Amino acid sequence: MKILKQPIAVLDAPSNLGLRPPRPGKAPGVIGLAGALRAAGIIKGLNALEGGRVAPLPYNPNRDPQTGLLNVESIRRYSLNLAYEIQNLIHYNRFPVVLGGDCSILVGNMLALKQLGHYGLFFIDGHTDFRTPANTTTGGAAGMDLALVTGRGPDALTNILNLKPLVQDRDVVAFGFRDVEDPNVDAYRDIFQTDIVLYGLNIIREIGLEETVARSIAKLKENGVKGFWIHLDADVLNDEIMPAVDSPQIGGMSYAELIQLLRILLSSGMAVGMEITIFDPDLDTDGNIARAFTRAIISAFTGRA
């Protein structure tokens, strides 16, 4: 069963600039995500075209003294490079599947879409990623990517090419998070004061996955977006099947839930591309997690079991 009309193009974006070092002297291992999923057969499984590679920039473990963030100028440069490649793929009627990388690659992908028109964002993540320089504990842009693309944070990352915000709050759906238990006290509570559509994992299961996705897509259509970008963070999955992430949490989606979710989004006719982030192959010594994750993604795109 073919779900997408246009050809898929896989683009590597192996950036780890938005994460803190896992330990002194060690750079974050998410830079190997693309290689691991390729080795697990994602190109053949998706029958995908080669979409190229945005070369990584050097990692610096020290925070910028002005913003308190890691690798600010490098993330800005990387975002510009990535946006250029995404625009080219969309121009040639390709569906980009971007293999990150940490979540800071969202800035480049949404920068590309902002230049192409009015687009939304379907943000599938175990975290709300709504930290700011004022409350970050790590200095990592990967923990504030949703805040950044909606215009919150330093201009170096929020106002690239004077296009702030890269996506309007009302055109964002945050889906599957489980980091906010009490919006009145948690560090991410600011997101509840926005127009972002919020569906935490507990609410999704209470209402039903199909219904919550249908409501989300209807809202984006109502807002008049031309389409939406899919952000997929591996940590949305249950920690028992996806422990190879930098900030694991108890619980999460099953592979069956993720496959169903992605199939609905891809079948909607509104998805224009997708990024995959945070899976760390350094924490997957035998490659089994990469293979299972890759099989799930292929299943979602192809309709095969």
Protein backbone atom coordinates (compact mmCIF):
# COMPACT_ATOMS: atom_id res chain seq x y z
CA MET A 1 0.00 0.00 0.00
CA LYS A 2 1.52 3.30 -1.11
CA ILE A 3 0.71 6.05 1.39
CA LEU A 4 2.57 9.00 -0.14
CA LYS A 5 2.12 10.27 -3.68
CA GLN A 6 5.57 11.79 -4.05
CA PRO A 7 8.94 10.01 -3.80
CA ILE A 8 10.69 9.89 -0.42
CA ALA A 9 14.18 11.38 -0.19
CA VAL A 10 16.34 10.60 2.84
CA LEU A 11 18.53 13.49 3.96
CA ASP A 12 21.17 13.06 6.66
CA ALA A 13 21.45 15.86 9.24
CA PRO A 14 23.95 14.41 11.75
CA SER A 15 24.09 17.31 14.20
CA ASN A 16 24.64 16.98 17.95
CA LEU A 17 25.07 20.70 18.62
CA GLY A 18 21.95 21.03 20.77
CA LEU A 19 22.84 18.53 23.49
CA ARG A 20 25.11 18.72 26.52
CA PRO A 21 28.00 16.24 26.72
CA PRO A 22 26.87 12.89 28.19
CA ARG A 23 30.07 12.96 30.21
CA PRO A 24 33.21 15.14 30.26
CA GLY A 25 35.18 14.83 27.05
CA LYS A 26 32.44 12.87 25.24
CA ALA A 27 30.34 14.40 22.45
CA PRO A 28 26.66 13.33 22.18
CA GLY A 29 26.27 10.12 20.19
CA VAL A 30 23.12 11.15 18.29
CA ILE A 31 25.46 12.22 15.51
CA GLY A 32 25.45 8.53 14.55
CA LEU A 33 21.66 8.25 14.15
CA ALA A 34 21.66 8.53 10.37
CA GLY A 35 24.35 5.91 9.95
CA ALA A 36 22.59 3.49 12.27
CA LEU A 37 19.21 3.75 10.54
CA ARG A 38 20.84 3.45 7.15
CA ALA A 39 22.67 0.31 8.29
CA ALA A 40 19.31 -1.03 9.50
CA GLY A 41 17.92 -0.71 5.96
CA ILE A 42 15.84 2.46 5.97
CA ILE A 43 16.73 3.46 2.40
CA LYS A 44 15.74 0.13 0.86
CA GLY A 45 12.74 -0.30 3.16
CA LEU A 46 11.29 3.08 2.17
CA ASN A 47 12.33 2.66 -1.47
CA ALA A 48 13.81 6.11 -0.96
CA LEU A 49 16.00 8.36 -3.04
CA GLU A 50 19.24 9.79 -1.72
CA GLY A 51 18.55 13.30 -0.45
CA GLY A 52 22.10 14.25 0.48
CA ARG A 53 23.85 15.14 3.71
CA VAL A 54 24.32 18.34 5.67
CA ALA A 55 27.82 18.03 7.07
CA PRO A 56 28.11 18.35 10.87
CA LEU A 57 29.83 21.33 12.44
CA PRO A 58 32.37 21.03 15.27
CA TYR A 59 30.89 20.43 18.71
CA ASN A 60 31.80 22.78 21.57
CA PRO A 61 30.86 21.67 25.12
CA ASN A 62 31.09 25.20 26.53
CA ARG A 63 28.10 27.50 26.88
CA ASP A 64 27.95 30.81 25.07
CA PRO A 65 28.47 33.54 27.71
CA GLN A 66 25.80 35.84 26.24
CA THR A 67 22.91 33.40 25.81
CA GLY A 68 23.92 30.60 28.17
CA LEU A 69 23.35 28.08 25.36
CA LEU A 70 25.58 25.57 23.64
CA ASN A 71 26.84 26.09 20.07
CA VAL A 72 24.50 28.99 19.29
CA GLU A 73 26.28 30.33 16.22
CA SER A 74 26.97 26.84 14.88
CA ILE A 75 23.29 25.87 15.22
CA ARG A 76 22.35 29.03 13.35
CA ARG A 77 24.76 28.18 10.52
CA TYR A 78 23.65 24.57 10.45
CA SER A 79 20.00 25.63 10.29
CA LEU A 80 20.66 27.79 7.24
CA ASN A 81 22.49 24.93 5.50
CA LEU A 82 19.73 22.46 6.33
CA ALA A 83 16.95 24.83 5.24
CA TYR A 84 18.56 25.20 1.82
CA GLU A 85 18.58 21.43 1.28
CA ILE A 86 14.99 21.00 2.46
CA GLN A 87 13.75 23.71 0.12
CA ASN A 88 15.47 22.01 -2.80
CA LEU A 89 13.88 18.65 -2.03
CA ILE A 90 10.40 20.13 -1.68
CA HIS A 91 10.90 22.15 -4.86
CA TYR A 92 11.54 18.91 -6.75
CA ASN A 93 8.43 17.29 -5.24
CA ARG A 94 10.30 15.05 -2.82
CA PHE A 95 9.10 14.11 0.66
CA PRO A 96 12.13 14.71 2.91
CA VAL A 97 12.82 12.22 5.68
CA VAL A 98 15.56 13.88 7.69
CA LEU A 99 17.76 11.64 9.83
CA GLY A 100 19.13 13.76 12.71
CA GLY A 101 20.63 14.56 14.99
CA ASP A 102 19.28 16.15 18.02
CA CYS A 103 16.08 18.18 18.11
CA SER A 104 17.79 21.47 17.25
CA ILE A 105 17.54 20.45 13.58
CA LEU A 106 13.88 21.48 13.84
CA VAL A 107 15.02 25.10 13.51
CA GLY A 108 16.46 24.51 10.04
CA ASN A 109 13.50 22.50 8.83
CA MET A 110 10.94 25.05 9.98
CA LEU A 111 13.11 27.85 8.57
CA ALA A 112 12.80 26.17 5.18
CA LEU A 113 9.02 25.96 5.40
CA LYS A 114 8.61 29.52 6.67
CA GLN A 115 10.28 30.71 3.47
CA LEU A 116 7.90 28.60 1.39
CA GLY A 117 4.61 29.72 2.92
CA HIS A 118 2.18 29.06 5.77
CA TYR A 119 2.97 25.67 7.32
CA GLY A 120 2.23 23.94 10.59
CA LEU A 121 4.10 21.54 12.83
CA PHE A 122 3.04 18.17 14.25
CA PHE A 123 5.43 17.74 17.17
CA ILE A 124 5.67 14.11 18.34
CA ASP A 125 7.93 14.03 21.38
CA GLY A 126 8.12 12.61 24.88
CA HIS A 127 8.95 16.14 26.05
CA THR A 128 7.37 19.49 25.33
CA ASP A 129 10.85 20.98 24.63
CA PHE A 130 9.70 24.39 25.83
CA ARG A 131 12.67 25.41 27.93
CA THR A 132 14.19 28.85 27.41
CA PRO A 133 17.58 30.35 28.33
CA ALA A 134 15.96 31.58 31.54
CA ASN A 135 15.11 28.10 32.84
CA THR A 136 17.35 25.68 30.97
CA THR A 137 19.36 23.31 33.13
CA THR A 138 21.63 22.08 30.32
CA GLY A 139 22.06 24.96 27.89
CA GLY A 140 21.01 22.62 25.11
CA ALA A 141 18.83 23.88 22.26
CA ALA A 142 17.46 20.34 21.93
CA GLY A 143 15.44 20.97 25.08
CA MET A 144 13.99 24.20 23.76
CA ASP A 145 13.47 23.56 20.05
CA LEU A 146 9.69 24.03 20.19
CA ALA A 147 10.16 27.27 22.10
CA LEU A 148 12.73 28.46 19.55
CA VAL A 149 10.67 27.82 16.43
CA THR A 150 7.70 29.60 17.99
CA GLY A 151 9.85 32.66 18.66
CA ARG A 152 11.04 32.26 22.25
CA GLY A 153 14.76 32.60 22.90
CA PRO A 154 17.75 34.48 21.50
CA ASP A 155 17.35 36.18 18.14
CA ALA A 156 20.33 34.27 16.80
CA LEU A 157 18.10 31.16 16.73
CA THR A 158 14.56 32.57 16.68
CA ASN A 159 14.89 35.38 14.14
CA ILE A 160 17.06 33.88 11.42
CA LEU A 161 16.62 35.89 8.20
CA ASN A 162 14.20 38.12 10.16
CA LEU A 163 11.50 35.45 9.91
CA LYS A 164 10.49 35.19 13.58
CA PRO A 165 8.51 33.16 14.46
CA LEU A 166 9.19 30.20 12.19
CA VAL A 167 5.75 28.81 13.04
CA GLN A 168 2.79 30.36 14.83
CA ASP A 169 1.67 28.86 18.14
CA ARG A 170 -1.79 28.11 16.77
CA ASP A 171 -0.27 26.08 13.93
CA VAL A 172 1.54 23.65 16.28
CA VAL A 173 0.31 20.36 17.72
CA ALA A 174 2.42 18.96 20.60
CA PHE A 175 1.56 15.26 20.75
CA GLY A 176 2.52 12.39 23.04
CA PHE A 177 4.50 14.26 25.68
CA ARG A 178 4.69 12.93 29.22
CA ASP A 179 7.10 15.33 30.93
CA VAL A 180 4.44 17.68 32.31
CA GLU A 181 2.37 16.17 35.10
CA ASP A 182 1.10 19.40 36.64
CA PRO A 183 1.04 22.49 34.38
CA ASN A 184 0.81 24.68 37.46
CA VAL A 185 4.20 23.74 38.86
CA ASP A 186 6.32 22.09 36.18
CA ALA A 187 9.15 23.92 34.46
CA TYR A 188 7.41 23.55 31.11
CA ARG A 189 4.14 25.10 32.31
CA ASP A 190 4.58 28.15 30.05
CA ILE A 191 3.41 26.10 27.08
CA PHE A 192 -0.06 25.93 28.64
CA GLN A 193 -0.33 29.72 28.30
CA THR A 194 -0.03 29.51 24.50
CA ASP A 195 -2.34 28.61 21.60
CA ILE A 196 -0.39 25.42 20.89
CA VAL A 197 -2.69 22.39 20.62
CA LEU A 198 -1.64 20.06 23.44
CA TYR A 199 -2.24 16.32 23.65
CA GLY A 200 -0.24 14.59 26.35
CA LEU A 201 0.01 10.81 26.17
CA ASN A 202 -2.51 10.25 28.97
CA ILE A 203 -5.12 12.41 27.21
CA ILE A 204 -4.48 10.65 23.89
CA ARG A 205 -5.17 7.29 25.45
CA GLU A 206 -8.22 8.59 27.28
CA ILE A 207 -9.83 10.10 24.17
CA GLY A 208 -8.36 7.69 21.62
CA LEU A 209 -5.48 8.07 19.21
CA GLU A 210 -7.55 8.32 16.03
CA GLU A 211 -9.84 10.94 17.52
CA THR A 212 -7.04 13.13 18.89
CA VAL A 213 -5.17 13.01 15.58
CA ALA A 214 -8.34 13.81 13.66
CA ARG A 215 -9.02 16.81 15.91
CA SER A 216 -5.43 18.00 15.48
CA ILE A 217 -5.47 17.77 11.70
CA ALA A 218 -8.87 19.49 11.58
CA LYS A 219 -7.47 22.36 13.63
CA LEU A 220 -4.51 22.82 11.30
CA LYS A 221 -6.80 22.75 8.27
CA GLU A 222 -9.05 25.30 9.93
CA ASN A 223 -6.03 27.57 10.36
CA GLY A 224 -5.36 27.44 6.61
CA VAL A 225 -1.90 25.87 6.66
CA LYS A 226 -0.58 24.54 3.34
CA GLY A 227 0.68 21.45 5.14
CA PHE A 228 2.64 20.42 8.20
CA TRP A 229 6.06 19.12 9.15
CA ILE A 230 6.37 16.03 11.36
CA HIS A 231 8.90 16.09 14.18
CA LEU A 232 9.54 12.61 15.60
CA ASP A 233 11.68 12.28 18.70
CA ALA A 234 12.55 8.67 19.53
CA ASP A 235 11.92 9.35 23.21
CA VAL A 236 8.16 9.45 22.57
CA LEU A 237 8.44 5.66 22.65
CA ASN A 238 8.23 3.58 25.80
CA ASP A 239 11.56 3.53 27.60
CA GLU A 240 11.53 -0.28 27.65
CA ILE A 241 11.70 -0.45 23.85
CA MET A 242 13.61 2.82 23.32
CA PRO A 243 16.16 3.32 26.11
CA ALA A 244 18.78 4.70 23.69
CA VAL A 245 17.96 8.38 24.24
CA ASP A 246 19.58 11.15 26.24
CA SER A 247 16.65 11.86 28.59
CA PRO A 248 14.64 8.66 29.12
CA GLN A 249 11.33 8.74 30.97
CA ILE A 250 9.14 5.95 32.28
CA GLY A 251 6.37 4.90 29.92
CA GLY A 252 5.68 6.10 26.40
CA MET A 253 4.08 4.93 23.18
CA SER A 254 4.29 1.41 21.84
CA TYR A 255 5.54 0.76 18.32
CA ALA A 256 1.97 -0.10 17.31
CA GLU A 257 0.74 3.31 18.50
CA LEU A 258 3.56 5.13 16.72
CA ILE A 259 2.93 3.26 13.46
CA GLN A 260 -0.78 4.02 13.62
CA LEU A 261 -0.11 7.69 14.37
CA LEU A 262 2.34 8.12 11.51
CA ARG A 263 0.11 6.29 9.04
CA ILE A 264 -2.77 8.64 9.79
CA LEU A 265 -0.57 11.71 9.41
CA LEU A 266 1.05 10.50 6.21
CA SER A 267 -2.31 9.52 4.73
CA SER A 268 -3.79 12.95 5.44
CA GLY A 269 -2.22 14.48 2.35
CA MET A 270 -0.94 17.38 4.46
CA ALA A 271 2.43 16.09 5.66
CA VAL A 272 5.29 17.66 3.69
CA GLY A 273 8.27 16.08 5.44
CA MET A 274 9.53 14.48 8.62
CA GLU A 275 12.56 14.53 10.87
CA ILE A 276 13.75 11.74 13.17
CA THR A 277 15.78 12.74 16.21
CA ILE A 278 17.49 11.77 19.49
CA PHE A 279 18.07 8.04 18.99
CA ASP A 280 21.67 7.44 20.18
CA PRO A 281 23.36 4.39 18.65
CA ASP A 282 26.11 4.58 21.28
CA LEU A 283 23.45 3.24 23.68
CA ASP A 284 22.46 0.43 21.31
CA THR A 285 25.47 -1.88 21.43
CA ASP A 286 24.01 -4.74 19.38
CA GLY A 287 21.97 -2.66 16.93
CA ASN A 288 18.66 -4.30 17.87
CA ILE A 289 17.00 -1.03 18.85
CA ALA A 290 17.98 0.62 15.56
CA ARG A 291 16.56 -2.30 13.61
CA ALA A 292 13.27 -2.31 15.51
CA PHE A 293 12.92 1.47 15.22
CA THR A 294 13.68 1.34 11.51
CA ARG A 295 11.16 -1.45 10.92
CA ALA A 296 8.47 0.62 12.63
CA ILE A 297 9.18 3.67 10.48
CA ILE A 298 9.17 1.58 7.30
CA SER A 299 5.88 -0.02 8.35
CA ALA A 300 4.31 3.39 8.91
CA PHE A 301 5.31 4.64 5.47
CA THR A 302 4.60 1.50 3.47
CA GLY A 303 1.55 0.07 5.20
CA ARG A 304 3.30 -3.27 5.54
CA ALA A 305 3.15 -5.17 8.81
